[in-house]
Amino acid sequence: MAMHTGRLVLTPQDPFFTLPTLDGITGCLRQIDFCGEQLDQRRFLLGERFLQLVSFMGCSPHIELEPTDDDRSFCHLQILPMDQPIFLQGRNTNPPRCGKCRRRIQGWERIMEEWQKQPQDYQATCPHCAHSQNPAHYQWRQTAGSGQLFLYVENIFPQEAQPSASLLNTLAEASGAPWHHFFIQD
């Protein structure tokens, strides 16, 4: 199989936000033609309007939108609800910034491991300004994030694509919460 290039991750801005059912999100993504045929319980082909709802950087990106006979990676959607918040990172992840002083927080890997044990209640103290905050709210500059509901657009290189304001607004209307995005590279 070809090397995985990464993924665009869409998630509510509130890392503790959940939905009782995915029907509203799935329905809205189908209605705007962001996703197409369902491949399995959580995976979908991308819809006809995907390329209008996500802008690609560069002059002519090559994106495989369909599965191939030779098992190459292709761009598709996965919808991943979680029972509790999780932290997603990749080899592209940079140290986060404190929400108050904006300085980089070193040792974030250990902090996020501890956070995962008590995501709702864990507080970390900035070594620079002593500001205490839940690490789920760190500023990751689109290289990592936390949440309970994720939309993965697979096989997207980090920073290669940006979701449109229209897509983010549609997700916000369907869920009742604002959304944002980040990129993960395995």
N, C-alpha and C. Protein backbone atom coordinates (compact mmCIF):
# COMPACT_ATOMS: atom_id res chain seq x y z
N MET A 1 0.84 -1.18 0.00
CA MET A 1 0.00 0.00 0.00
C MET A 1 0.88 1.25 0.00
N ALA A 2 0.45 2.29 -0.65
CA ALA A 2 1.20 3.53 -0.72
C ALA A 2 1.25 4.20 0.66
N MET A 3 2.27 5.03 0.84
CA MET A 3 2.42 5.74 2.10
C MET A 3 1.27 6.72 2.29
N HIS A 4 0.74 6.78 3.49
CA HIS A 4 -0.34 7.70 3.82
C HIS A 4 0.24 9.10 3.95
N THR A 5 -0.35 10.06 3.27
CA THR A 5 0.19 11.42 3.28
C THR A 5 -0.29 12.23 4.47
N GLY A 6 -1.42 11.92 5.02
CA GLY A 6 -1.96 12.66 6.15
C GLY A 6 -3.46 12.83 6.01
N ARG A 7 -4.00 13.67 6.89
CA ARG A 7 -5.44 13.89 6.87
C ARG A 7 -5.77 15.30 7.35
N LEU A 8 -6.85 15.81 6.80
CA LEU A 8 -7.49 17.03 7.28
C LEU A 8 -8.51 16.58 8.32
N VAL A 9 -8.49 17.18 9.49
CA VAL A 9 -9.41 16.80 10.57
C VAL A 9 -10.31 17.99 10.87
N LEU A 10 -11.62 17.76 10.81
CA LEU A 10 -12.62 18.75 11.18
C LEU A 10 -13.23 18.30 12.50
N THR A 11 -13.40 19.23 13.44
CA THR A 11 -13.95 18.88 14.75
C THR A 11 -14.56 20.12 15.39
N PRO A 12 -15.54 19.94 16.28
CA PRO A 12 -16.05 21.11 17.00
C PRO A 12 -14.93 21.81 17.79
N GLN A 13 -15.01 23.12 17.89
CA GLN A 13 -13.99 23.87 18.64
C GLN A 13 -13.96 23.48 20.11
N ASP A 14 -15.12 23.15 20.67
CA ASP A 14 -15.18 22.69 22.06
C ASP A 14 -14.80 21.22 22.09
N PRO A 15 -13.66 20.87 22.68
CA PRO A 15 -13.21 19.47 22.66
C PRO A 15 -14.10 18.52 23.45
N PHE A 16 -15.02 19.07 24.23
CA PHE A 16 -15.91 18.24 25.04
C PHE A 16 -17.31 18.14 24.45
N PHE A 17 -17.51 18.71 23.26
CA PHE A 17 -18.82 18.70 22.61
C PHE A 17 -19.13 17.30 22.06
N THR A 18 -20.35 16.85 22.30
CA THR A 18 -20.81 15.58 21.75
C THR A 18 -22.18 15.76 21.12
N LEU A 19 -22.55 14.83 20.28
CA LEU A 19 -23.88 14.79 19.69
C LEU A 19 -24.53 13.47 20.10
N PRO A 20 -25.83 13.47 20.39
CA PRO A 20 -26.49 12.22 20.75
C PRO A 20 -26.55 11.23 19.59
N THR A 21 -26.57 11.75 18.38
CA THR A 21 -26.61 10.90 17.18
C THR A 21 -25.84 11.59 16.06
N LEU A 22 -25.34 10.81 15.14
CA LEU A 22 -24.60 11.37 14.00
C LEU A 22 -25.50 11.66 12.81
N ASP A 23 -26.79 11.35 12.93
CA ASP A 23 -27.71 11.51 11.81
C ASP A 23 -27.72 12.93 11.23
N GLY A 24 -27.72 13.95 12.11
CA GLY A 24 -27.76 15.33 11.64
C GLY A 24 -26.52 15.71 10.85
N ILE A 25 -25.35 15.33 11.36
CA ILE A 25 -24.10 15.65 10.67
C ILE A 25 -24.00 14.88 9.36
N THR A 26 -24.28 13.59 9.41
CA THR A 26 -24.22 12.78 8.19
C THR A 26 -25.22 13.30 7.16
N GLY A 27 -26.42 13.62 7.61
CA GLY A 27 -27.45 14.15 6.70
C GLY A 27 -27.04 15.46 6.07
N CYS A 28 -26.46 16.35 6.86
CA CYS A 28 -26.06 17.65 6.30
C CYS A 28 -24.90 17.49 5.32
N LEU A 29 -23.96 16.58 5.61
CA LEU A 29 -22.84 16.36 4.68
C LEU A 29 -23.32 15.77 3.36
N ARG A 30 -24.34 14.94 3.43
CA ARG A 30 -24.93 14.39 2.20
C ARG A 30 -25.70 15.47 1.45
N GLN A 31 -26.45 16.28 2.20
CA GLN A 31 -27.28 17.32 1.58
C GLN A 31 -26.43 18.32 0.79
N ILE A 32 -25.27 18.69 1.33
CA ILE A 32 -24.41 19.65 0.62
C ILE A 32 -23.47 18.94 -0.35
N ASP A 33 -23.61 17.62 -0.46
CA ASP A 33 -22.83 16.78 -1.37
C ASP A 33 -21.34 16.80 -1.06
N PHE A 34 -21.03 16.89 0.25
CA PHE A 34 -19.64 16.77 0.69
C PHE A 34 -19.23 15.30 0.70
N CYS A 35 -20.17 14.44 1.06
CA CYS A 35 -19.87 13.00 1.03
C CYS A 35 -20.86 12.30 0.10
N GLY A 36 -20.41 11.18 -0.41
CA GLY A 36 -21.20 10.41 -1.34
C GLY A 36 -21.52 9.04 -0.79
N GLU A 37 -21.28 8.03 -1.60
CA GLU A 37 -21.61 6.64 -1.27
C GLU A 37 -20.92 6.20 0.02
N GLN A 38 -21.69 5.48 0.85
CA GLN A 38 -21.15 4.96 2.10
C GLN A 38 -20.37 3.68 1.82
N LEU A 39 -19.11 3.64 2.29
CA LEU A 39 -18.24 2.48 2.07
C LEU A 39 -18.41 1.43 3.16
N ASP A 40 -18.56 1.88 4.39
CA ASP A 40 -18.83 1.01 5.53
C ASP A 40 -19.48 1.87 6.61
N GLN A 41 -19.52 1.40 7.84
CA GLN A 41 -20.26 2.10 8.88
C GLN A 41 -19.83 3.55 9.07
N ARG A 42 -18.56 3.85 8.94
CA ARG A 42 -18.05 5.19 9.22
C ARG A 42 -17.31 5.85 8.06
N ARG A 43 -17.18 5.18 6.92
CA ARG A 43 -16.40 5.73 5.80
C ARG A 43 -17.29 5.99 4.59
N PHE A 44 -16.98 7.10 3.91
CA PHE A 44 -17.77 7.53 2.75
C PHE A 44 -16.83 7.98 1.63
N LEU A 45 -17.26 7.75 0.40
CA LEU A 45 -16.61 8.41 -0.73
C LEU A 45 -16.91 9.90 -0.62
N LEU A 46 -16.12 10.72 -1.25
CA LEU A 46 -16.38 12.15 -1.24
C LEU A 46 -17.42 12.49 -2.30
N GLY A 47 -18.22 13.51 -2.00
CA GLY A 47 -19.31 13.89 -2.89
C GLY A 47 -18.88 14.79 -4.03
N GLU A 48 -19.83 15.08 -4.90
CA GLU A 48 -19.58 15.89 -6.09
C GLU A 48 -19.12 17.31 -5.78
N ARG A 49 -19.52 17.86 -4.63
CA ARG A 49 -19.16 19.25 -4.29
C ARG A 49 -17.94 19.34 -3.38
N PHE A 50 -17.29 18.23 -3.10
CA PHE A 50 -16.12 18.24 -2.21
C PHE A 50 -15.10 19.29 -2.63
N LEU A 51 -14.78 19.34 -3.91
CA LEU A 51 -13.75 20.26 -4.38
C LEU A 51 -14.19 21.72 -4.36
N GLN A 52 -15.48 22.00 -4.18
CA GLN A 52 -15.95 23.36 -3.98
C GLN A 52 -15.97 23.72 -2.50
N LEU A 53 -16.05 22.72 -1.63
CA LEU A 53 -16.15 22.96 -0.19
C LEU A 53 -14.80 22.91 0.52
N VAL A 54 -13.79 22.41 -0.16
CA VAL A 54 -12.42 22.37 0.35
C VAL A 54 -11.52 22.95 -0.74
N SER A 55 -10.75 23.98 -0.38
CA SER A 55 -9.85 24.63 -1.33
C SER A 55 -8.46 24.03 -1.22
N PHE A 56 -7.88 23.71 -2.36
CA PHE A 56 -6.54 23.12 -2.40
C PHE A 56 -5.52 24.17 -2.81
N MET A 57 -4.37 24.12 -2.15
CA MET A 57 -3.27 25.04 -2.44
C MET A 57 -2.46 24.45 -3.59
N GLY A 58 -1.77 25.29 -4.30
CA GLY A 58 -0.95 24.81 -5.42
C GLY A 58 -1.73 24.87 -6.71
N CYS A 59 -1.01 24.66 -7.79
CA CYS A 59 -1.63 24.84 -9.10
C CYS A 59 -2.46 23.64 -9.55
N SER A 60 -2.04 22.43 -9.26
CA SER A 60 -2.77 21.29 -9.77
C SER A 60 -2.54 20.05 -8.90
N PRO A 61 -3.14 20.03 -7.71
CA PRO A 61 -2.92 18.86 -6.85
C PRO A 61 -3.58 17.61 -7.45
N HIS A 62 -2.92 16.48 -7.31
CA HIS A 62 -3.50 15.22 -7.77
C HIS A 62 -4.11 14.51 -6.57
N ILE A 63 -5.42 14.35 -6.60
CA ILE A 63 -6.13 13.72 -5.48
C ILE A 63 -6.92 12.55 -6.02
N GLU A 64 -6.63 11.39 -5.51
CA GLU A 64 -7.33 10.17 -5.90
C GLU A 64 -8.63 10.11 -5.10
N LEU A 65 -9.79 10.23 -5.77
CA LEU A 65 -11.08 10.28 -5.09
C LEU A 65 -11.81 8.95 -5.06
N GLU A 66 -11.27 7.94 -5.70
CA GLU A 66 -11.91 6.61 -5.76
C GLU A 66 -10.90 5.54 -5.37
N PRO A 67 -11.37 4.43 -4.79
CA PRO A 67 -10.45 3.32 -4.53
C PRO A 67 -9.91 2.78 -5.85
N THR A 68 -8.68 2.28 -5.81
CA THR A 68 -8.05 1.75 -7.01
C THR A 68 -7.81 0.26 -6.87
N ASP A 69 -7.59 -0.40 -7.99
CA ASP A 69 -7.32 -1.84 -7.98
C ASP A 69 -5.98 -2.17 -7.34
N ASP A 70 -5.04 -1.24 -7.39
CA ASP A 70 -3.70 -1.52 -6.85
C ASP A 70 -3.54 -1.07 -5.40
N ASP A 71 -4.65 -0.83 -4.70
CA ASP A 71 -4.66 -0.57 -3.26
C ASP A 71 -3.91 0.71 -2.86
N ARG A 72 -3.87 1.70 -3.75
CA ARG A 72 -3.27 2.98 -3.39
C ARG A 72 -4.21 3.73 -2.44
N SER A 73 -3.62 4.58 -1.62
CA SER A 73 -4.42 5.41 -0.73
C SER A 73 -5.29 6.34 -1.57
N PHE A 74 -6.49 6.61 -1.09
CA PHE A 74 -7.37 7.54 -1.79
C PHE A 74 -8.05 8.45 -0.78
N CYS A 75 -8.51 9.57 -1.26
CA CYS A 75 -9.14 10.59 -0.43
C CYS A 75 -10.59 10.19 -0.16
N HIS A 76 -10.96 10.09 1.11
CA HIS A 76 -12.32 9.74 1.50
C HIS A 76 -12.61 10.32 2.88
N LEU A 77 -13.84 10.22 3.32
CA LEU A 77 -14.28 10.77 4.60
C LEU A 77 -14.50 9.65 5.61
N GLN A 78 -14.03 9.87 6.83
CA GLN A 78 -14.36 9.00 7.96
C GLN A 78 -15.00 9.85 9.04
N ILE A 79 -16.07 9.36 9.63
CA ILE A 79 -16.73 10.05 10.74
C ILE A 79 -16.44 9.24 12.00
N LEU A 80 -15.77 9.88 12.97
CA LEU A 80 -15.31 9.16 14.16
C LEU A 80 -15.82 9.81 15.44
N PRO A 81 -16.90 9.27 16.03
CA PRO A 81 -17.33 9.73 17.35
C PRO A 81 -16.56 8.97 18.43
N MET A 82 -16.26 9.62 19.53
CA MET A 82 -15.54 9.00 20.64
C MET A 82 -16.38 9.09 21.91
N ASP A 83 -16.17 8.14 22.82
CA ASP A 83 -16.89 8.14 24.09
C ASP A 83 -16.40 9.24 25.02
N GLN A 84 -15.14 9.60 24.91
CA GLN A 84 -14.58 10.69 25.70
C GLN A 84 -13.56 11.43 24.84
N PRO A 85 -13.18 12.64 25.24
CA PRO A 85 -12.22 13.38 24.42
C PRO A 85 -10.90 12.63 24.28
N ILE A 86 -10.33 12.72 23.09
CA ILE A 86 -9.00 12.17 22.84
C ILE A 86 -8.14 13.26 22.21
N PHE A 87 -6.85 13.06 22.26
CA PHE A 87 -5.88 13.97 21.67
C PHE A 87 -5.31 13.33 20.42
N LEU A 88 -5.31 14.06 19.32
CA LEU A 88 -4.75 13.58 18.06
C LEU A 88 -3.50 14.37 17.73
N GLN A 89 -2.44 13.65 17.40
CA GLN A 89 -1.19 14.27 17.02
C GLN A 89 -0.56 13.47 15.90
N GLY A 90 0.41 14.04 15.26
CA GLY A 90 1.13 13.34 14.20
C GLY A 90 2.58 13.77 14.20
N ARG A 91 3.31 13.31 13.22
CA ARG A 91 4.72 13.70 13.16
C ARG A 91 4.89 15.16 12.77
N ASN A 92 3.82 15.80 12.35
CA ASN A 92 3.85 17.23 12.03
C ASN A 92 3.52 18.12 13.23
N THR A 93 3.19 17.53 14.38
CA THR A 93 2.75 18.30 15.54
C THR A 93 3.90 19.12 16.13
N ASN A 94 3.61 20.39 16.37
CA ASN A 94 4.56 21.32 17.00
C ASN A 94 4.14 21.56 18.44
N PRO A 95 5.06 22.02 19.30
CA PRO A 95 4.67 22.34 20.67
C PRO A 95 3.54 23.37 20.68
N PRO A 96 2.57 23.20 21.58
CA PRO A 96 1.46 24.16 21.65
C PRO A 96 1.90 25.46 22.32
N ARG A 97 1.01 26.42 22.26
CA ARG A 97 1.26 27.70 22.92
C ARG A 97 0.28 27.88 24.07
N CYS A 98 0.75 28.54 25.12
CA CYS A 98 -0.08 28.86 26.27
C CYS A 98 -1.20 29.81 25.81
N GLY A 99 -2.39 29.61 26.36
CA GLY A 99 -3.51 30.46 26.01
C GLY A 99 -3.38 31.89 26.52
N LYS A 100 -2.49 32.11 27.48
CA LYS A 100 -2.33 33.45 28.03
C LYS A 100 -1.08 34.16 27.50
N CYS A 101 0.10 33.60 27.75
CA CYS A 101 1.35 34.29 27.36
C CYS A 101 1.79 33.96 25.93
N ARG A 102 1.20 32.93 25.31
CA ARG A 102 1.46 32.52 23.93
C ARG A 102 2.85 31.92 23.71
N ARG A 103 3.58 31.62 24.78
CA ARG A 103 4.89 31.00 24.62
C ARG A 103 4.71 29.50 24.44
N ARG A 104 5.67 28.88 23.77
CA ARG A 104 5.61 27.44 23.52
C ARG A 104 5.78 26.65 24.81
N ILE A 105 5.00 25.58 24.91
CA ILE A 105 5.04 24.71 26.08
C ILE A 105 5.83 23.46 25.72
N GLN A 106 6.99 23.32 26.31
CA GLN A 106 7.81 22.13 26.09
C GLN A 106 7.31 21.01 27.01
N GLY A 107 7.61 19.78 26.69
CA GLY A 107 7.16 18.65 27.50
C GLY A 107 5.67 18.36 27.34
N TRP A 108 5.11 18.84 26.24
CA TRP A 108 3.67 18.68 26.02
C TRP A 108 3.25 17.23 25.88
N GLU A 109 4.13 16.36 25.42
CA GLU A 109 3.77 14.94 25.25
C GLU A 109 3.37 14.33 26.59
N ARG A 110 4.15 14.60 27.65
CA ARG A 110 3.83 14.09 28.98
C ARG A 110 2.54 14.72 29.50
N ILE A 111 2.38 16.01 29.28
CA ILE A 111 1.17 16.71 29.73
C ILE A 111 -0.06 16.08 29.08
N MET A 112 0.00 15.80 27.79
CA MET A 112 -1.16 15.24 27.10
C MET A 112 -1.43 13.80 27.52
N GLU A 113 -0.40 13.05 27.87
CA GLU A 113 -0.60 11.69 28.41
C GLU A 113 -1.37 11.77 29.73
N GLU A 114 -0.99 12.69 30.59
CA GLU A 114 -1.68 12.87 31.87
C GLU A 114 -3.11 13.37 31.64
N TRP A 115 -3.27 14.29 30.71
CA TRP A 115 -4.59 14.83 30.40
C TRP A 115 -5.55 13.71 29.99
N GLN A 116 -5.06 12.76 29.22
CA GLN A 116 -5.91 11.68 28.71
C GLN A 116 -6.53 10.86 29.84
N LYS A 117 -5.92 10.85 31.01
CA LYS A 117 -6.45 10.10 32.16
C LYS A 117 -7.66 10.79 32.77
N GLN A 118 -7.71 12.12 32.71
CA GLN A 118 -8.82 12.91 33.27
C GLN A 118 -9.10 14.12 32.38
N PRO A 119 -9.60 13.90 31.18
CA PRO A 119 -9.70 15.01 30.23
C PRO A 119 -10.57 16.18 30.69
N GLN A 120 -11.63 15.91 31.42
CA GLN A 120 -12.52 17.00 31.85
C GLN A 120 -11.88 17.88 32.91
N ASP A 121 -11.13 17.27 33.82
CA ASP A 121 -10.68 17.99 35.02
C ASP A 121 -9.21 18.38 35.04
N TYR A 122 -8.42 17.82 34.17
CA TYR A 122 -6.97 18.04 34.25
C TYR A 122 -6.61 19.49 33.96
N GLN A 123 -5.75 20.04 34.77
CA GLN A 123 -5.24 21.40 34.56
C GLN A 123 -3.72 21.34 34.51
N ALA A 124 -3.14 22.03 33.56
CA ALA A 124 -1.68 22.13 33.44
C ALA A 124 -1.29 23.58 33.66
N THR A 125 -0.14 23.78 34.26
CA THR A 125 0.36 25.12 34.55
C THR A 125 1.47 25.48 33.58
N CYS A 126 1.34 26.64 32.97
CA CYS A 126 2.36 27.11 32.03
C CYS A 126 3.66 27.37 32.80
N PRO A 127 4.77 26.83 32.34
CA PRO A 127 6.04 27.06 33.03
C PRO A 127 6.56 28.49 32.88
N HIS A 128 5.98 29.26 31.98
CA HIS A 128 6.44 30.62 31.73
C HIS A 128 5.67 31.67 32.52
N CYS A 129 4.33 31.53 32.59
CA CYS A 129 3.51 32.57 33.22
C CYS A 129 2.64 32.04 34.36
N ALA A 130 2.68 30.73 34.62
CA ALA A 130 1.92 30.08 35.69
C ALA A 130 0.41 30.06 35.44
N HIS A 131 0.01 30.35 34.21
CA HIS A 131 -1.42 30.26 33.85
C HIS A 131 -1.85 28.80 33.88
N SER A 132 -2.97 28.52 34.51
CA SER A 132 -3.49 27.15 34.60
C SER A 132 -4.64 27.00 33.60
N GLN A 133 -4.58 25.94 32.80
CA GLN A 133 -5.65 25.69 31.84
C GLN A 133 -5.72 24.22 31.51
N ASN A 134 -6.88 23.81 30.99
CA ASN A 134 -7.03 22.45 30.51
C ASN A 134 -6.27 22.37 29.18
N PRO A 135 -5.33 21.41 29.05
CA PRO A 135 -4.54 21.31 27.82
C PRO A 135 -5.37 21.07 26.55
N ALA A 136 -6.61 20.65 26.70
CA ALA A 136 -7.47 20.49 25.53
C ALA A 136 -7.64 21.82 24.79
N HIS A 137 -7.39 22.92 25.49
CA HIS A 137 -7.56 24.25 24.90
C HIS A 137 -6.25 24.90 24.47
N TYR A 138 -5.17 24.14 24.46
CA TYR A 138 -3.90 24.68 23.98
C TYR A 138 -4.04 25.14 22.53
N GLN A 139 -3.20 26.07 22.13
CA GLN A 139 -3.15 26.57 20.76
C GLN A 139 -2.15 25.73 19.97
N TRP A 140 -2.64 24.85 19.11
CA TRP A 140 -1.77 23.90 18.39
C TRP A 140 -1.39 24.37 16.99
N ARG A 141 -1.92 25.48 16.55
CA ARG A 141 -1.61 26.04 15.23
C ARG A 141 -1.84 25.02 14.11
N GLN A 142 -2.97 24.34 14.20
CA GLN A 142 -3.44 23.39 13.18
C GLN A 142 -2.55 22.17 13.01
N THR A 143 -1.79 21.79 14.05
CA THR A 143 -0.95 20.60 13.95
C THR A 143 -1.36 19.49 14.91
N ALA A 144 -2.43 19.70 15.67
CA ALA A 144 -2.95 18.70 16.60
C ALA A 144 -4.26 19.24 17.14
N GLY A 145 -4.97 18.42 17.91
CA GLY A 145 -6.21 18.87 18.51
C GLY A 145 -6.85 17.79 19.36
N SER A 146 -7.88 18.20 20.09
CA SER A 146 -8.61 17.30 20.97
C SER A 146 -10.09 17.38 20.63
N GLY A 147 -10.81 16.31 20.92
CA GLY A 147 -12.24 16.32 20.69
C GLY A 147 -12.88 14.97 20.92
N GLN A 148 -14.18 14.94 20.69
CA GLN A 148 -14.97 13.71 20.80
C GLN A 148 -15.66 13.34 19.50
N LEU A 149 -15.61 14.24 18.53
CA LEU A 149 -16.22 13.98 17.23
C LEU A 149 -15.27 14.51 16.16
N PHE A 150 -14.87 13.63 15.27
CA PHE A 150 -13.91 14.00 14.23
C PHE A 150 -14.41 13.59 12.86
N LEU A 151 -14.18 14.46 11.90
CA LEU A 151 -14.38 14.13 10.49
C LEU A 151 -12.99 14.11 9.87
N TYR A 152 -12.55 12.94 9.46
CA TYR A 152 -11.24 12.79 8.81
C TYR A 152 -11.44 12.84 7.30
N VAL A 153 -10.74 13.72 6.63
CA VAL A 153 -10.64 13.66 5.18
C VAL A 153 -9.26 13.06 4.93
N GLU A 154 -9.27 11.78 4.60
CA GLU A 154 -8.03 11.01 4.49
C GLU A 154 -7.26 11.33 3.21
N ASN A 155 -5.95 11.16 3.33
CA ASN A 155 -5.01 11.29 2.23
C ASN A 155 -4.88 12.74 1.75
N ILE A 156 -4.81 13.65 2.71
CA ILE A 156 -4.58 15.07 2.45
C ILE A 156 -3.28 15.45 3.15
N PHE A 157 -2.34 15.99 2.42
CA PHE A 157 -1.07 16.42 3.01
C PHE A 157 -1.32 17.65 3.88
N PRO A 158 -0.66 17.78 5.05
CA PRO A 158 -0.88 18.95 5.92
C PRO A 158 -0.71 20.27 5.18
N GLN A 159 -1.65 21.15 5.41
CA GLN A 159 -1.72 22.49 4.83
C GLN A 159 -2.02 22.50 3.34
N GLU A 160 -2.28 21.35 2.75
CA GLU A 160 -2.57 21.27 1.31
C GLU A 160 -3.97 21.77 0.99
N ALA A 161 -4.88 21.66 1.96
CA ALA A 161 -6.28 22.00 1.71
C ALA A 161 -6.85 22.77 2.90
N GLN A 162 -7.81 23.63 2.61
CA GLN A 162 -8.48 24.41 3.65
C GLN A 162 -9.99 24.26 3.48
N PRO A 163 -10.70 23.93 4.56
CA PRO A 163 -12.16 23.87 4.44
C PRO A 163 -12.72 25.27 4.22
N SER A 164 -13.75 25.37 3.42
CA SER A 164 -14.36 26.67 3.14
C SER A 164 -15.16 27.14 4.35
N ALA A 165 -15.38 28.44 4.41
CA ALA A 165 -16.24 29.01 5.46
C ALA A 165 -17.63 28.41 5.35
N SER A 166 -18.09 28.16 4.14
CA SER A 166 -19.40 27.56 3.91
C SER A 166 -19.50 26.18 4.57
N LEU A 167 -18.47 25.35 4.42
CA LEU A 167 -18.47 24.02 5.04
C LEU A 167 -18.48 24.13 6.55
N LEU A 168 -17.62 24.98 7.11
CA LEU A 168 -17.57 25.13 8.57
C LEU A 168 -18.88 25.70 9.11
N ASN A 169 -19.48 26.64 8.40
CA ASN A 169 -20.78 27.20 8.82
C ASN A 169 -21.88 26.16 8.77
N THR A 170 -21.88 25.32 7.74
CA THR A 170 -22.88 24.26 7.63
C THR A 170 -22.75 23.27 8.78
N LEU A 171 -21.53 22.89 9.12
CA LEU A 171 -21.31 21.98 10.25
C LEU A 171 -21.77 22.63 11.56
N ALA A 172 -21.50 23.92 11.72
CA ALA A 172 -21.94 24.63 12.92
C ALA A 172 -23.46 24.67 13.03
N GLU A 173 -24.12 24.93 11.92
CA GLU A 173 -25.59 24.96 11.92
C GLU A 173 -26.17 23.59 12.22
N ALA A 174 -25.60 22.56 11.65
CA ALA A 174 -26.12 21.20 11.85
C ALA A 174 -25.89 20.69 13.27
N SER A 175 -24.81 21.12 13.90
CA SER A 175 -24.47 20.60 15.22
C SER A 175 -24.81 21.54 16.37
N GLY A 176 -24.94 22.83 16.06
CA GLY A 176 -25.16 23.81 17.12
C GLY A 176 -23.88 24.26 17.80
N ALA A 177 -22.72 23.99 17.18
CA ALA A 177 -21.43 24.36 17.77
C ALA A 177 -20.46 24.76 16.66
N PRO A 178 -19.60 25.75 16.91
CA PRO A 178 -18.61 26.13 15.89
C PRO A 178 -17.55 25.04 15.70
N TRP A 179 -17.03 24.94 14.49
CA TRP A 179 -16.03 23.93 14.13
C TRP A 179 -14.73 24.60 13.72
N HIS A 180 -13.65 23.81 13.75
CA HIS A 180 -12.35 24.23 13.24
C HIS A 180 -11.66 23.02 12.63
N HIS A 181 -10.42 23.20 12.20
CA HIS A 181 -9.72 22.10 11.54
C HIS A 181 -8.25 22.09 11.93
N PHE A 182 -7.64 20.95 11.71
CA PHE A 182 -6.19 20.80 11.85
C PHE A 182 -5.75 19.66 10.96
N PHE A 183 -4.45 19.41 10.93
CA PHE A 183 -3.89 18.40 10.04
C PHE A 183 -3.04 17.42 10.84
N ILE A 184 -3.12 16.16 10.48
CA ILE A 184 -2.31 15.12 11.11
C ILE A 184 -1.55 14.39 10.01
N GLN A 185 -0.28 14.19 10.24
CA GLN A 185 0.52 13.38 9.32
C GLN A 185 1.09 12.22 10.11
N ASP A 186 0.72 10.99 9.71
CA ASP A 186 1.19 9.79 10.41
C ASP A 186 2.66 9.56 10.16
